[in-house]
Amino acid sequence: MTFANLPAQLIALMLGWTFTVYMQVRSNSRAEALKTREKIVDKLEALSEWVEDELKRGEFLHSDFESGYAGLLSQIELKISNLNTHIGTNAVEASVLGDLREMEISELKDENKGLYLRVRHAAWNAIDSIDMTSNEKFFMKKGRLAYFKEYVHAYYGVIVAAISLLTVYYVGKIIVG
């Protein structure tokens, strides 16, 4: 058994595994981002139903309603922050919830009759914004140059790693003889 080709085989093996791990991490990140996006959409869709159910209850307490509403919006903002972490950029701004945050809630139950419709409309606008942003990030085709600019640091790391491995290989070859 000769070890003459062992360094080249190890380098090829390492590059293959590096590519495989890179693809797996990329796929996992994309799947988590899409799953988080779906959770955000579900929470936004459920928000207007929650408002409608709260307004239909017999006893309406403005302070409880307002704190529950603010809590639900805070949960959605946290999910948006998680989505941005998975995407790796600040793709979805928390300001898409601005209309929902600024919704006027009256202390009298009868004055809030159309509130759930306004909440539903604002939630749909937020969902559209989130969907457009995530579709642009994951499903729109980009040119080669734009793609390269986005991942230039990753490519730089791969090039430096390859040069380092080749340097170690040739230095080892010189030392061993």
N, C-alpha and C. Protein backbone atom coordinates (compact mmCIF):
# COMPACT_ATOMS: atom_id res chain seq x y z
N MET A 1 0.85 -1.18 0.00
CA MET A 1 0.00 0.00 0.00
C MET A 1 0.89 1.24 0.00
N THR A 2 0.65 2.13 -0.94
CA THR A 2 1.45 3.34 -1.01
C THR A 2 0.61 4.52 -0.54
N PHE A 3 1.32 5.44 0.03
CA PHE A 3 0.66 6.65 0.52
C PHE A 3 1.00 7.86 -0.35
N ALA A 4 1.40 7.61 -1.57
CA ALA A 4 1.81 8.70 -2.45
C ALA A 4 0.65 9.63 -2.77
N ASN A 5 -0.54 9.09 -2.95
CA ASN A 5 -1.70 9.92 -3.29
C ASN A 5 -2.54 10.29 -2.09
N LEU A 6 -2.10 9.90 -0.91
CA LEU A 6 -2.90 10.14 0.29
C LEU A 6 -3.21 11.62 0.52
N PRO A 7 -2.24 12.53 0.42
CA PRO A 7 -2.59 13.95 0.64
C PRO A 7 -3.65 14.47 -0.34
N ALA A 8 -3.53 14.09 -1.59
CA ALA A 8 -4.51 14.54 -2.58
C ALA A 8 -5.88 13.94 -2.28
N GLN A 9 -5.90 12.69 -1.87
CA GLN A 9 -7.17 12.05 -1.53
C GLN A 9 -7.80 12.70 -0.31
N LEU A 10 -6.98 13.03 0.68
CA LEU A 10 -7.50 13.68 1.88
C LEU A 10 -8.04 15.08 1.56
N ILE A 11 -7.34 15.78 0.69
CA ILE A 11 -7.81 17.11 0.29
C ILE A 11 -9.13 17.00 -0.45
N ALA A 12 -9.23 16.06 -1.38
CA ALA A 12 -10.47 15.87 -2.12
C ALA A 12 -11.60 15.46 -1.18
N LEU A 13 -11.29 14.59 -0.23
CA LEU A 13 -12.29 14.16 0.74
C LEU A 13 -12.75 15.33 1.60
N MET A 14 -11.80 16.15 2.04
CA MET A 14 -12.14 17.30 2.88
C MET A 14 -12.98 18.31 2.11
N LEU A 15 -12.63 18.56 0.86
CA LEU A 15 -13.41 19.49 0.05
C LEU A 15 -14.82 18.94 -0.19
N GLY A 16 -14.94 17.66 -0.42
CA GLY A 16 -16.25 17.05 -0.62
C GLY A 16 -17.12 17.16 0.62
N TRP A 17 -16.54 16.86 1.78
CA TRP A 17 -17.29 16.98 3.02
C TRP A 17 -17.63 18.43 3.33
N THR A 18 -16.73 19.33 3.03
CA THR A 18 -17.00 20.75 3.26
C THR A 18 -18.19 21.20 2.42
N PHE A 19 -18.22 20.79 1.17
CA PHE A 19 -19.34 21.15 0.30
C PHE A 19 -20.64 20.54 0.81
N THR A 20 -20.58 19.29 1.24
CA THR A 20 -21.78 18.61 1.75
C THR A 20 -22.31 19.30 3.00
N VAL A 21 -21.42 19.64 3.91
CA VAL A 21 -21.85 20.32 5.14
C VAL A 21 -22.41 21.70 4.82
N TYR A 22 -21.79 22.40 3.89
CA TYR A 22 -22.28 23.72 3.49
C TYR A 22 -23.70 23.61 2.93
N MET A 23 -23.94 22.66 2.06
CA MET A 23 -25.27 22.49 1.48
C MET A 23 -26.30 22.11 2.54
N GLN A 24 -25.91 21.27 3.50
CA GLN A 24 -26.83 20.86 4.56
C GLN A 24 -27.19 22.04 5.46
N VAL A 25 -26.19 22.83 5.83
CA VAL A 25 -26.45 24.00 6.68
C VAL A 25 -27.34 24.99 5.95
N ARG A 26 -27.08 25.19 4.68
CA ARG A 26 -27.90 26.10 3.88
C ARG A 26 -29.34 25.61 3.79
N SER A 27 -29.52 24.33 3.56
CA SER A 27 -30.87 23.76 3.48
C SER A 27 -31.60 23.85 4.81
N ASN A 28 -30.90 23.55 5.90
CA ASN A 28 -31.52 23.63 7.22
C ASN A 28 -31.93 25.07 7.55
N SER A 29 -31.07 26.01 7.23
CA SER A 29 -31.37 27.41 7.51
C SER A 29 -32.58 27.87 6.69
N ARG A 30 -32.62 27.46 5.46
CA ARG A 30 -33.75 27.84 4.60
C ARG A 30 -35.05 27.21 5.11
N ALA A 31 -34.99 25.95 5.51
CA ALA A 31 -36.19 25.28 6.02
C ALA A 31 -36.68 25.94 7.30
N GLU A 32 -35.76 26.28 8.19
CA GLU A 32 -36.15 26.95 9.43
C GLU A 32 -36.75 28.33 9.16
N ALA A 33 -36.18 29.04 8.20
CA ALA A 33 -36.70 30.36 7.87
C ALA A 33 -38.12 30.25 7.31
N LEU A 34 -38.34 29.29 6.44
CA LEU A 34 -39.69 29.13 5.88
C LEU A 34 -40.68 28.66 6.94
N LYS A 35 -40.22 27.82 7.86
CA LYS A 35 -41.10 27.38 8.94
C LYS A 35 -41.45 28.56 9.86
N THR A 36 -40.48 29.40 10.14
CA THR A 36 -40.73 30.58 10.97
C THR A 36 -41.67 31.54 10.27
N ARG A 37 -41.50 31.70 8.96
CA ARG A 37 -42.40 32.56 8.20
C ARG A 37 -43.84 32.06 8.29
N GLU A 38 -44.02 30.75 8.19
CA GLU A 38 -45.36 30.18 8.30
C GLU A 38 -45.96 30.41 9.68
N LYS A 39 -45.14 30.34 10.72
CA LYS A 39 -45.63 30.62 12.07
C LYS A 39 -46.09 32.07 12.20
N ILE A 40 -45.33 32.97 11.59
CA ILE A 40 -45.71 34.39 11.62
C ILE A 40 -47.04 34.59 10.91
N VAL A 41 -47.18 33.99 9.76
CA VAL A 41 -48.42 34.12 8.99
C VAL A 41 -49.60 33.55 9.78
N ASP A 42 -49.40 32.40 10.41
CA ASP A 42 -50.47 31.80 11.21
C ASP A 42 -50.87 32.71 12.37
N LYS A 43 -49.88 33.29 13.04
CA LYS A 43 -50.19 34.19 14.16
C LYS A 43 -50.91 35.45 13.69
N LEU A 44 -50.50 35.97 12.54
CA LEU A 44 -51.18 37.16 12.01
C LEU A 44 -52.61 36.84 11.59
N GLU A 45 -52.82 35.67 11.01
CA GLU A 45 -54.18 35.29 10.62
C GLU A 45 -55.06 35.06 11.85
N ALA A 46 -54.48 34.53 12.91
CA ALA A 46 -55.25 34.25 14.13
C ALA A 46 -55.53 35.52 14.93
N LEU A 47 -54.78 36.58 14.67
CA LEU A 47 -54.93 37.81 15.45
C LEU A 47 -56.34 38.41 15.30
N SER A 48 -56.83 38.51 14.07
CA SER A 48 -58.16 39.11 13.89
C SER A 48 -59.25 38.22 14.49
N GLU A 49 -59.06 36.91 14.43
CA GLU A 49 -60.02 36.01 15.06
C GLU A 49 -60.02 36.19 16.58
N TRP A 50 -58.84 36.39 17.14
CA TRP A 50 -58.74 36.63 18.58
C TRP A 50 -59.46 37.92 18.95
N VAL A 51 -59.25 38.96 18.14
CA VAL A 51 -59.92 40.25 18.41
C VAL A 51 -61.43 40.07 18.33
N GLU A 52 -61.89 39.37 17.31
CA GLU A 52 -63.33 39.15 17.16
C GLU A 52 -63.91 38.36 18.34
N ASP A 53 -63.20 37.32 18.77
CA ASP A 53 -63.67 36.53 19.91
C ASP A 53 -63.70 37.35 21.19
N GLU A 54 -62.68 38.17 21.38
CA GLU A 54 -62.64 39.00 22.59
C GLU A 54 -63.77 40.02 22.61
N LEU A 55 -64.10 40.56 21.44
CA LEU A 55 -65.17 41.54 21.38
C LEU A 55 -66.55 40.90 21.54
N LYS A 56 -66.66 39.62 21.22
CA LYS A 56 -67.94 38.92 21.37
C LYS A 56 -68.20 38.46 22.80
N ARG A 57 -67.15 38.43 23.61
CA ARG A 57 -67.34 38.01 25.00
C ARG A 57 -68.29 38.97 25.70
N GLY A 58 -68.94 38.46 26.71
CA GLY A 58 -69.91 39.27 27.44
C GLY A 58 -69.27 40.43 28.17
N GLU A 59 -68.15 40.18 28.79
CA GLU A 59 -67.50 41.22 29.59
C GLU A 59 -66.27 41.72 28.84
N PHE A 60 -66.22 43.00 28.55
CA PHE A 60 -65.10 43.59 27.83
C PHE A 60 -64.32 44.49 28.77
N LEU A 61 -63.08 44.10 29.04
CA LEU A 61 -62.19 44.93 29.85
C LEU A 61 -61.11 45.49 28.94
N HIS A 62 -61.13 46.79 28.80
CA HIS A 62 -60.21 47.47 27.88
C HIS A 62 -58.76 47.16 28.21
N SER A 63 -58.40 47.21 29.48
CA SER A 63 -57.00 47.01 29.86
C SER A 63 -56.54 45.58 29.56
N ASP A 64 -57.39 44.60 29.84
CA ASP A 64 -57.04 43.21 29.53
C ASP A 64 -56.92 42.99 28.02
N PHE A 65 -57.85 43.58 27.29
CA PHE A 65 -57.84 43.45 25.84
C PHE A 65 -56.57 44.07 25.26
N GLU A 66 -56.25 45.26 25.72
CA GLU A 66 -55.08 45.97 25.20
C GLU A 66 -53.78 45.23 25.53
N SER A 67 -53.67 44.71 26.75
CA SER A 67 -52.45 43.99 27.11
C SER A 67 -52.34 42.67 26.35
N GLY A 68 -53.46 41.99 26.13
CA GLY A 68 -53.43 40.76 25.34
C GLY A 68 -53.05 41.03 23.89
N TYR A 69 -53.60 42.09 23.34
CA TYR A 69 -53.31 42.48 21.96
C TYR A 69 -51.83 42.85 21.81
N ALA A 70 -51.33 43.63 22.75
CA ALA A 70 -49.91 44.01 22.70
C ALA A 70 -49.00 42.80 22.87
N GLY A 71 -49.42 41.86 23.72
CA GLY A 71 -48.63 40.63 23.90
C GLY A 71 -48.56 39.80 22.64
N LEU A 72 -49.68 39.68 21.95
CA LEU A 72 -49.69 38.93 20.69
C LEU A 72 -48.80 39.60 19.64
N LEU A 73 -48.86 40.92 19.57
CA LEU A 73 -48.00 41.63 18.61
C LEU A 73 -46.53 41.48 18.97
N SER A 74 -46.22 41.46 20.26
CA SER A 74 -44.83 41.27 20.68
C SER A 74 -44.33 39.88 20.30
N GLN A 75 -45.19 38.87 20.42
CA GLN A 75 -44.80 37.52 20.00
C GLN A 75 -44.51 37.49 18.50
N ILE A 76 -45.32 38.19 17.74
CA ILE A 76 -45.11 38.23 16.29
C ILE A 76 -43.80 38.95 15.97
N GLU A 77 -43.51 40.03 16.69
CA GLU A 77 -42.25 40.74 16.47
C GLU A 77 -41.05 39.86 16.79
N LEU A 78 -41.16 39.04 17.84
CA LEU A 78 -40.07 38.11 18.16
C LEU A 78 -39.88 37.09 17.04
N LYS A 79 -40.98 36.61 16.48
CA LYS A 79 -40.88 35.67 15.37
C LYS A 79 -40.24 36.33 14.15
N ILE A 80 -40.55 37.60 13.93
CA ILE A 80 -39.93 38.33 12.81
C ILE A 80 -38.43 38.45 13.05
N SER A 81 -38.05 38.71 14.29
CA SER A 81 -36.63 38.78 14.63
C SER A 81 -35.95 37.43 14.39
N ASN A 82 -36.63 36.34 14.75
CA ASN A 82 -36.09 35.00 14.50
C ASN A 82 -35.96 34.74 13.00
N LEU A 83 -36.95 35.18 12.24
CA LEU A 83 -36.89 35.01 10.79
C LEU A 83 -35.69 35.74 10.21
N ASN A 84 -35.47 36.96 10.66
CA ASN A 84 -34.32 37.72 10.17
C ASN A 84 -33.01 37.04 10.55
N THR A 85 -32.97 36.41 11.71
CA THR A 85 -31.77 35.68 12.12
C THR A 85 -31.53 34.49 11.19
N HIS A 86 -32.58 33.77 10.84
CA HIS A 86 -32.44 32.63 9.94
C HIS A 86 -32.04 33.07 8.54
N ILE A 87 -32.60 34.18 8.09
CA ILE A 87 -32.27 34.67 6.75
C ILE A 87 -30.85 35.22 6.72
N GLY A 88 -30.43 35.82 7.81
CA GLY A 88 -29.07 36.37 7.86
C GLY A 88 -29.00 37.85 7.55
N THR A 89 -30.12 38.44 7.21
CA THR A 89 -30.18 39.88 6.97
C THR A 89 -31.44 40.42 7.64
N ASN A 90 -31.55 41.71 7.68
CA ASN A 90 -32.74 42.33 8.24
C ASN A 90 -33.77 42.49 7.12
N ALA A 91 -34.20 41.36 6.58
CA ALA A 91 -35.07 41.36 5.40
C ALA A 91 -36.48 41.83 5.72
N VAL A 92 -37.02 41.40 6.85
CA VAL A 92 -38.38 41.78 7.23
C VAL A 92 -38.29 42.75 8.40
N GLU A 93 -38.74 43.94 8.17
CA GLU A 93 -38.72 44.96 9.21
C GLU A 93 -39.89 44.76 10.16
N ALA A 94 -39.67 45.04 11.43
CA ALA A 94 -40.77 44.97 12.40
C ALA A 94 -41.79 46.07 12.15
N SER A 95 -41.43 47.03 11.33
CA SER A 95 -42.35 48.13 11.02
C SER A 95 -43.54 47.68 10.18
N VAL A 96 -43.50 46.45 9.63
CA VAL A 96 -44.67 45.96 8.89
C VAL A 96 -45.87 45.81 9.83
N LEU A 97 -45.60 45.76 11.12
CA LEU A 97 -46.68 45.67 12.10
C LEU A 97 -47.12 47.05 12.59
N GLY A 98 -46.62 48.09 11.96
CA GLY A 98 -46.93 49.45 12.39
C GLY A 98 -48.42 49.75 12.41
N ASP A 99 -49.13 49.35 11.37
CA ASP A 99 -50.58 49.59 11.32
C ASP A 99 -51.30 48.85 12.45
N LEU A 100 -50.82 47.66 12.76
CA LEU A 100 -51.44 46.90 13.84
C LEU A 100 -51.14 47.53 15.20
N ARG A 101 -49.92 48.04 15.35
CA ARG A 101 -49.55 48.69 16.62
C ARG A 101 -50.33 49.97 16.85
N GLU A 102 -50.62 50.69 15.78
CA GLU A 102 -51.28 51.99 15.90
C GLU A 102 -52.81 51.88 15.86
N MET A 103 -53.33 50.69 15.92
CA MET A 103 -54.78 50.49 15.87
C MET A 103 -55.43 51.13 17.10
N GLU A 104 -56.45 51.94 16.85
CA GLU A 104 -57.17 52.62 17.94
C GLU A 104 -58.16 51.65 18.57
N ILE A 105 -58.02 51.47 19.88
CA ILE A 105 -58.92 50.58 20.62
C ILE A 105 -59.69 51.44 21.61
N SER A 106 -60.98 51.48 21.44
CA SER A 106 -61.82 52.30 22.31
C SER A 106 -62.11 51.55 23.61
N GLU A 107 -62.36 52.32 24.64
CA GLU A 107 -62.67 51.70 25.93
C GLU A 107 -64.09 51.14 25.96
N LEU A 108 -64.93 51.60 25.05
CA LEU A 108 -66.30 51.10 24.98
C LEU A 108 -66.39 49.99 23.94
N LYS A 109 -67.02 48.91 24.33
CA LYS A 109 -67.12 47.74 23.47
C LYS A 109 -67.85 48.03 22.17
N ASP A 110 -68.90 48.83 22.23
CA ASP A 110 -69.71 49.10 21.03
C ASP A 110 -68.95 49.91 19.98
N GLU A 111 -67.97 50.68 20.39
CA GLU A 111 -67.21 51.49 19.44
C GLU A 111 -66.13 50.67 18.72
N ASN A 112 -65.93 49.42 19.13
CA ASN A 112 -64.91 48.56 18.53
C ASN A 112 -65.50 47.52 17.58
N LYS A 113 -66.71 47.76 17.09
CA LYS A 113 -67.39 46.75 16.27
C LYS A 113 -66.61 46.39 15.00
N GLY A 114 -66.06 47.35 14.32
CA GLY A 114 -65.33 47.08 13.08
C GLY A 114 -63.84 46.87 13.28
N LEU A 115 -63.43 46.78 14.54
CA LEU A 115 -62.00 46.66 14.83
C LEU A 115 -61.39 45.40 14.23
N TYR A 116 -62.10 44.28 14.34
CA TYR A 116 -61.52 43.04 13.83
C TYR A 116 -61.32 43.09 12.32
N LEU A 117 -62.18 43.84 11.61
CA LEU A 117 -62.00 43.98 10.16
C LEU A 117 -60.77 44.82 9.83
N ARG A 118 -60.57 45.89 10.61
CA ARG A 118 -59.38 46.72 10.41
C ARG A 118 -58.12 45.93 10.75
N VAL A 119 -58.19 45.13 11.81
CA VAL A 119 -57.05 44.29 12.20
C VAL A 119 -56.77 43.26 11.11
N ARG A 120 -57.82 42.65 10.59
CA ARG A 120 -57.65 41.65 9.52
C ARG A 120 -57.02 42.28 8.29
N HIS A 121 -57.46 43.46 7.92
CA HIS A 121 -56.90 44.14 6.75
C HIS A 121 -55.42 44.48 6.98
N ALA A 122 -55.09 45.00 8.14
CA ALA A 122 -53.69 45.33 8.44
C ALA A 122 -52.84 44.07 8.51
N ALA A 123 -53.41 42.98 9.04
CA ALA A 123 -52.67 41.71 9.11
C ALA A 123 -52.40 41.17 7.71
N TRP A 124 -53.38 41.27 6.83
CA TRP A 124 -53.17 40.82 5.45
C TRP A 124 -52.08 41.64 4.76
N ASN A 125 -52.07 42.94 5.01
CA ASN A 125 -51.01 43.77 4.44
C ASN A 125 -49.64 43.33 4.96
N ALA A 126 -49.56 43.03 6.26
CA ALA A 126 -48.30 42.57 6.84
C ALA A 126 -47.90 41.22 6.25
N ILE A 127 -48.87 40.33 6.08
CA ILE A 127 -48.58 39.02 5.50
C ILE A 127 -48.07 39.17 4.07
N ASP A 128 -48.70 40.05 3.30
CA ASP A 128 -48.24 40.29 1.92
C ASP A 128 -46.81 40.80 1.91
N SER A 129 -46.51 41.71 2.80
CA SER A 129 -45.15 42.26 2.86
C SER A 129 -44.13 41.18 3.22
N ILE A 130 -44.47 40.36 4.20
CA ILE A 130 -43.56 39.29 4.63
C ILE A 130 -43.39 38.26 3.52
N ASP A 131 -44.48 37.90 2.86
CA ASP A 131 -44.40 36.93 1.77
C ASP A 131 -43.57 37.45 0.60
N MET A 132 -43.76 38.71 0.25
CA MET A 132 -42.98 39.28 -0.85
C MET A 132 -41.49 39.30 -0.51
N THR A 133 -41.17 39.67 0.72
CA THR A 133 -39.78 39.73 1.13
C THR A 133 -39.14 38.35 1.14
N SER A 134 -39.84 37.37 1.71
CA SER A 134 -39.25 36.03 1.77
C SER A 134 -39.21 35.37 0.40
N ASN A 135 -40.20 35.62 -0.44
CA ASN A 135 -40.15 35.09 -1.81
C ASN A 135 -38.99 35.68 -2.59
N GLU A 136 -38.76 36.97 -2.38
CA GLU A 136 -37.64 37.62 -3.05
C GLU A 136 -36.32 37.02 -2.58
N LYS A 137 -36.24 36.70 -1.31
CA LYS A 137 -35.00 36.15 -0.76
C LYS A 137 -34.77 34.71 -1.20
N PHE A 138 -35.82 33.90 -1.22
CA PHE A 138 -35.62 32.47 -1.45
C PHE A 138 -35.95 31.98 -2.85
N PHE A 139 -36.85 32.64 -3.56
CA PHE A 139 -37.33 32.04 -4.79
C PHE A 139 -37.06 32.85 -6.05
N MET A 140 -36.67 34.09 -5.93
CA MET A 140 -36.38 34.89 -7.12
C MET A 140 -34.97 34.56 -7.62
N LYS A 141 -34.86 34.37 -8.90
CA LYS A 141 -33.56 34.08 -9.48
C LYS A 141 -32.76 35.37 -9.59
N LYS A 142 -31.48 35.25 -9.27
CA LYS A 142 -30.60 36.40 -9.35
C LYS A 142 -29.54 36.12 -10.41
N GLY A 143 -28.94 37.17 -10.88
CA GLY A 143 -27.83 37.01 -11.82
C GLY A 143 -26.60 36.47 -11.10
N ARG A 144 -25.66 36.00 -11.87
CA ARG A 144 -24.45 35.42 -11.29
C ARG A 144 -23.67 36.44 -10.46
N LEU A 145 -23.58 37.65 -10.94
CA LEU A 145 -22.82 38.67 -10.23
C LEU A 145 -23.47 39.02 -8.90
N ALA A 146 -24.79 39.17 -8.88
CA ALA A 146 -25.49 39.48 -7.63
C ALA A 146 -25.35 38.32 -6.65
N TYR A 147 -25.43 37.11 -7.15
CA TYR A 147 -25.26 35.93 -6.29
C TYR A 147 -23.86 35.90 -5.71
N PHE A 148 -22.86 36.19 -6.53
CA PHE A 148 -21.47 36.18 -6.06
C PHE A 148 -21.25 37.26 -5.01
N LYS A 149 -21.80 38.45 -5.22
CA LYS A 149 -21.62 39.53 -4.25
C LYS A 149 -22.23 39.18 -2.90
N GLU A 150 -23.33 38.44 -2.92
CA GLU A 150 -23.99 38.08 -1.67
C GLU A 150 -23.16 37.09 -0.85
N TYR A 151 -22.44 36.22 -1.52
CA TYR A 151 -21.69 35.18 -0.83
C TYR A 151 -20.18 35.34 -0.98
N VAL A 152 -19.71 36.54 -1.23
CA VAL A 152 -18.29 36.77 -1.48
C VAL A 152 -17.44 36.36 -0.27
N HIS A 153 -17.94 36.57 0.93
CA HIS A 153 -17.16 36.21 2.11
C HIS A 153 -17.05 34.69 2.25
N ALA A 154 -18.09 33.98 1.91
CA ALA A 154 -18.03 32.52 1.96
C ALA A 154 -17.05 31.99 0.92
N TYR A 155 -17.10 32.56 -0.28
CA TYR A 155 -16.17 32.13 -1.32
C TYR A 155 -14.73 32.47 -0.92
N TYR A 156 -14.55 33.61 -0.31
CA TYR A 156 -13.22 34.00 0.13
C TYR A 156 -12.68 32.98 1.14
N GLY A 157 -13.53 32.54 2.06
CA GLY A 157 -13.12 31.54 3.04
C GLY A 157 -12.75 30.22 2.40
N VAL A 158 -13.50 29.81 1.39
CA VAL A 158 -13.20 28.55 0.69
C VAL A 158 -11.88 28.67 -0.05
N ILE A 159 -11.65 29.80 -0.68
CA ILE A 159 -10.39 29.99 -1.42
C ILE A 159 -9.20 29.99 -0.46
N VAL A 160 -9.33 30.68 0.66
CA VAL A 160 -8.24 30.71 1.64
C VAL A 160 -8.00 29.31 2.20
N ALA A 161 -9.06 28.56 2.46
CA ALA A 161 -8.90 27.19 2.97
C ALA A 161 -8.20 26.31 1.94
N ALA A 162 -8.57 26.44 0.68
CA ALA A 162 -7.93 25.64 -0.37
C ALA A 162 -6.46 25.99 -0.51
N ILE A 163 -6.14 27.27 -0.47
CA ILE A 163 -4.74 27.69 -0.56
C ILE A 163 -3.96 27.19 0.65
N SER A 164 -4.57 27.25 1.82
CA SER A 164 -3.91 26.75 3.03
C SER A 164 -3.64 25.26 2.93
N LEU A 165 -4.62 24.51 2.46
CA LEU A 165 -4.43 23.06 2.32
C LEU A 165 -3.34 22.73 1.30
N LEU A 166 -3.34 23.45 0.20
CA LEU A 166 -2.29 23.21 -0.80
C LEU A 166 -0.92 23.58 -0.26
N THR A 167 -0.85 24.65 0.50
CA THR A 167 0.43 25.04 1.10
C THR A 167 0.92 23.97 2.06
N VAL A 168 0.03 23.48 2.91
CA VAL A 168 0.41 22.42 3.85
C VAL A 168 0.84 21.17 3.09
N TYR A 169 0.14 20.86 2.02
CA TYR A 169 0.49 19.68 1.23
C TYR A 169 1.89 19.81 0.65
N TYR A 170 2.18 20.94 0.01
CA TYR A 170 3.49 21.09 -0.63
C TYR A 170 4.61 21.25 0.38
N VAL A 171 4.35 21.91 1.49
CA VAL A 171 5.38 22.02 2.54
C VAL A 171 5.64 20.64 3.12
N GLY A 172 4.59 19.86 3.34
CA GLY A 172 4.76 18.50 3.84
C GLY A 172 5.51 17.64 2.85
N LYS A 173 5.27 17.83 1.59
CA LYS A 173 5.95 17.07 0.54
C LYS A 173 7.44 17.42 0.51
N ILE A 174 7.75 18.70 0.71
CA ILE A 174 9.14 19.14 0.72
C ILE A 174 9.86 18.58 1.95
N ILE A 175 9.20 18.62 3.10
CA ILE A 175 9.82 18.15 4.33
C ILE A 175 10.03 16.64 4.29
N VAL A 176 9.01 15.90 3.84
CA VAL A 176 9.11 14.44 3.80
C VAL A 176 10.09 14.01 2.72
N GLY A 177 10.15 14.76 1.69
CA GLY A 177 11.16 14.47 0.69
C GLY A 177 10.61 13.98 -0.55
